[in-house]
C-alpha atoms as a PDB file:
ATOM      1  CA  MET A   1     -15.403 -10.803 -10.041  1.00  0.00           C
ATOM      2  CA  SER A   2     -17.303  -7.665  -9.110  1.00  0.00           C
ATOM      3  CA  ASN A   3     -16.484  -4.202 -10.444  1.00  0.00           C
ATOM      4  CA  GLU A   4     -17.712  -2.585  -7.250  1.00  0.00           C
ATOM      5  CA  THR A   5     -15.402  -0.481  -5.144  1.00  0.00           C
ATOM      6  CA  TYR A   6     -15.257  -0.030  -1.395  1.00  0.00           C
ATOM      7  CA  ASN A   7     -15.128   3.506   0.018  1.00  0.00           C
ATOM      8  CA  GLY A   8     -13.445   4.647  -3.194  1.00  0.00           C
ATOM      9  CA  TRP A   9     -10.838   1.871  -3.153  1.00  0.00           C
ATOM     10  CA  THR A  10     -10.563  -1.158  -5.436  1.00  0.00           C
ATOM     11  CA  ASN A  11     -11.932  -3.490  -2.777  1.00  0.00           C
ATOM     12  CA  TYR A  12     -12.458  -3.940   0.935  1.00  0.00           C
ATOM     13  CA  GLU A  13      -9.050  -5.545   1.458  1.00  0.00           C
ATOM     14  CA  THR A  14      -7.182  -2.614  -0.107  1.00  0.00           C
ATOM     15  CA  TRP A  15      -9.202  -0.073   1.860  1.00  0.00           C
ATOM     16  CA  ARG A  16      -8.778  -1.938   5.145  1.00  0.00           C
ATOM     17  CA  VAL A  17      -5.026  -2.506   4.857  1.00  0.00           C
ATOM     18  CA  ASN A  18      -4.495   1.140   3.933  1.00  0.00           C
ATOM     19  CA  LEU A  19      -6.687   2.288   6.823  1.00  0.00           C
ATOM     20  CA  GLU A  20      -5.453  -0.060   9.530  1.00  0.00           C
ATOM     21  CA  MET A  21      -1.812  -0.660   8.670  1.00  0.00           C
ATOM     22  CA  LEU A  22      -0.562   2.206   6.497  1.00  0.00           C
ATOM     23  CA  ASP A  23      -2.658   5.259   7.347  1.00  0.00           C
ATOM     24  CA  GLY A  24      -0.521   8.306   8.031  1.00  0.00           C
ATOM     25  CA  MET A  25       2.612   6.791   6.552  1.00  0.00           C
ATOM     26  CA  THR A  26       4.481   8.484   3.703  1.00  0.00           C
ATOM     27  CA  PRO A  27       7.075   7.296   1.207  1.00  0.00           C
ATOM     28  CA  GLU A  28       9.666   8.857   3.538  1.00  0.00           C
ATOM     29  CA  ASP A  29       8.771   6.212   6.131  1.00  0.00           C
ATOM     30  CA  PHE A  30      10.096   3.665   3.633  1.00  0.00           C
ATOM     31  CA  GLY A  31      13.263   5.600   2.782  1.00  0.00           C
ATOM     32  CA  PHE A  32      12.029   7.419  -0.311  1.00  0.00           C
ATOM     33  CA  GLN A  33      12.680  11.070  -1.070  1.00  0.00           C
ATOM     34  CA  LEU A  34      10.960  13.016  -3.821  1.00  0.00           C
ATOM     35  CA  TYR A  35      13.479  14.968  -5.866  1.00  0.00           C
ATOM     36  CA  ASN A  36      11.526  15.279  -9.087  1.00  0.00           C
ATOM     37  CA  THR A  37       7.786  15.340  -9.762  1.00  0.00           C
ATOM     38  CA  ASP A  38       7.897  14.325 -13.418  1.00  0.00           C
ATOM     39  CA  ALA A  39       5.671  11.403 -14.398  1.00  0.00           C
ATOM     40  CA  ASP A  40       8.553   8.936 -14.828  1.00  0.00           C
ATOM     41  CA  SER A  41      10.011   9.688 -11.385  1.00  0.00           C
ATOM     42  CA  LEU A  42       6.615   9.329  -9.725  1.00  0.00           C
ATOM     43  CA  ALA A  43       5.930   6.069 -11.581  1.00  0.00           C
ATOM     44  CA  ASP A  44       9.305   4.688 -10.485  1.00  0.00           C
ATOM     45  CA  MET A  45       8.561   5.624  -6.885  1.00  0.00           C
ATOM     46  CA  VAL A  46       5.135   3.951  -7.043  1.00  0.00           C
ATOM     47  CA  ASN A  47       6.663   0.777  -8.482  1.00  0.00           C
ATOM     48  CA  ASP A  48       9.350   0.561  -5.803  1.00  0.00           C
ATOM     49  CA  LEU A  49       7.055   1.640  -2.978  1.00  0.00           C
ATOM     50  CA  LYS A  50       4.366  -0.963  -3.655  1.00  0.00           C
ATOM     51  CA  MET A  51       6.883  -3.737  -3.029  1.00  0.00           C
ATOM     52  CA  ASN A  52       7.989  -2.080   0.220  1.00  0.00           C
ATOM     53  CA  LEU A  53       4.394  -1.661   1.394  1.00  0.00           C
ATOM     54  CA  GLU A  54       3.594  -5.305   0.807  1.00  0.00           C
ATOM     55  CA  GLU A  55       6.777  -6.441   2.542  1.00  0.00           C
ATOM     56  CA  HIS A  56       6.073  -4.160   5.516  1.00  0.00           C
ATOM     57  CA  VAL A  57       2.549  -5.490   5.999  1.00  0.00           C
ATOM     58  CA  TRP A  58       3.675  -9.115   5.614  1.00  0.00           C
ATOM     59  CA  GLU A  59       6.309  -8.577   8.301  1.00  0.00           C
ATOM     60  CA  ILE A  60       3.653  -7.316  10.706  1.00  0.00           C
ATOM     61  CA  VAL A  61       1.252 -10.148   9.922  1.00  0.00           C
ATOM     62  CA  GLY A  62       3.974 -12.774  10.093  1.00  0.00           C
ATOM     63  CA  GLN A  63       4.898 -11.744  13.632  1.00  0.00           C
ATOM     64  CA  ASP A  64       1.494 -12.640  15.055  1.00  0.00           C
ATOM     65  CA  ALA A  65      -0.386 -14.921  12.706  1.00  0.00           C
ATOM     66  CA  LYS A  66       0.021 -18.698  12.806  1.00  0.00           C
ATOM     67  CA  GLY A  67      -1.879 -21.649  11.391  1.00  0.00           C
ATOM     68  CA  PHE A  68      -5.434 -20.926  10.278  1.00  0.00           C
ATOM     69  CA  ALA A  69      -5.136 -17.208  11.089  1.00  0.00           C
ATOM     70  CA  LEU A  70      -2.094 -16.976   8.821  1.00  0.00           C
ATOM     71  CA  ASP A  71      -3.990 -18.770   6.065  1.00  0.00           C
ATOM     72  CA  LEU A  72      -6.813 -16.245   6.354  1.00  0.00           C
ATOM     73  CA  ALA A  73      -4.366 -13.335   6.361  1.00  0.00           C
ATOM     74  CA  GLU A  74      -2.628 -14.686   3.243  1.00  0.00           C
ATOM     75  CA  SER A  75      -5.956 -14.970   1.441  1.00  0.00           C
ATOM     76  CA  PHE A  76      -6.933 -11.448   2.515  1.00  0.00           C
ATOM     77  CA  LEU A  77      -3.597  -9.855   1.583  1.00  0.00           C
ATOM     78  CA  ALA A  78      -3.565 -11.592  -1.808  1.00  0.00           C
ATOM     79  CA  ARG A  79      -6.497  -9.372  -2.812  1.00  0.00           C
ATOM     80  CA  VAL A  80      -4.860  -6.069  -1.797  1.00  0.00           C
ATOM     81  CA  ASP A  81      -4.057  -3.703  -4.674  1.00  0.00           C
ATOM     82  CA  TRP A  82      -0.611  -2.610  -3.483  1.00  0.00           C
ATOM     83  CA  GLU A  83      -0.106  -0.374  -6.511  1.00  0.00           C
ATOM     84  CA  GLU A  84      -3.277   1.568  -5.735  1.00  0.00           C
ATOM     85  CA  ILE A  85      -2.099   2.222  -2.177  1.00  0.00           C
ATOM     86  CA  ALA A  86       1.357   3.251  -3.419  1.00  0.00           C
ATOM     87  CA  GLU A  87      -0.177   5.590  -6.029  1.00  0.00           C
ATOM     88  CA  HIS A  88      -2.348   7.191  -3.379  1.00  0.00           C
ATOM     89  CA  MET A  89       0.573   7.580  -0.984  1.00  0.00           C
ATOM     90  CA  VAL A  90       2.890   9.055  -3.654  1.00  0.00           C
ATOM     91  CA  SER A  91       0.187  11.423  -4.894  1.00  0.00           C
ATOM     92  CA  ASP A  92      -0.446  12.755  -1.381  1.00  0.00           C
ATOM     93  CA  TYR A  93       3.293  13.034  -0.748  1.00  0.00           C
ATOM     94  CA  ALA A  94       3.931  14.880  -4.017  1.00  0.00           C
ATOM     95  CA  ALA A  95       1.148  17.356  -3.209  1.00  0.00           C
ATOM     96  CA  GLU A  96       2.647  17.990   0.243  1.00  0.00           C
ATOM     97  CA  VAL A  97       6.194  18.637  -0.911  1.00  0.00           C
ATOM     98  CA  ALA A  98       5.314  20.559  -4.063  1.00  0.00           C
END
């Protein structure tokens, strides 16, 4: 496995999903509110948010993809670093509300 990144992201899949499916969204779009900016609170938000991000994207893909296209989408999404996207989203959100 390569240690190369793609446009500053872990890999192409992570960059592309963030760009095409999650760009402009905030934790608030997934029902999260930031009440405390301590490290533990932010880490908890990242952990919960990454699961919500993955579920959200799978719902979108599952609406349209069937057969071979779904197989390709599953392979592509399996390589997404959901935690990296959640960390990025929480970091941006924390900077905005601080």
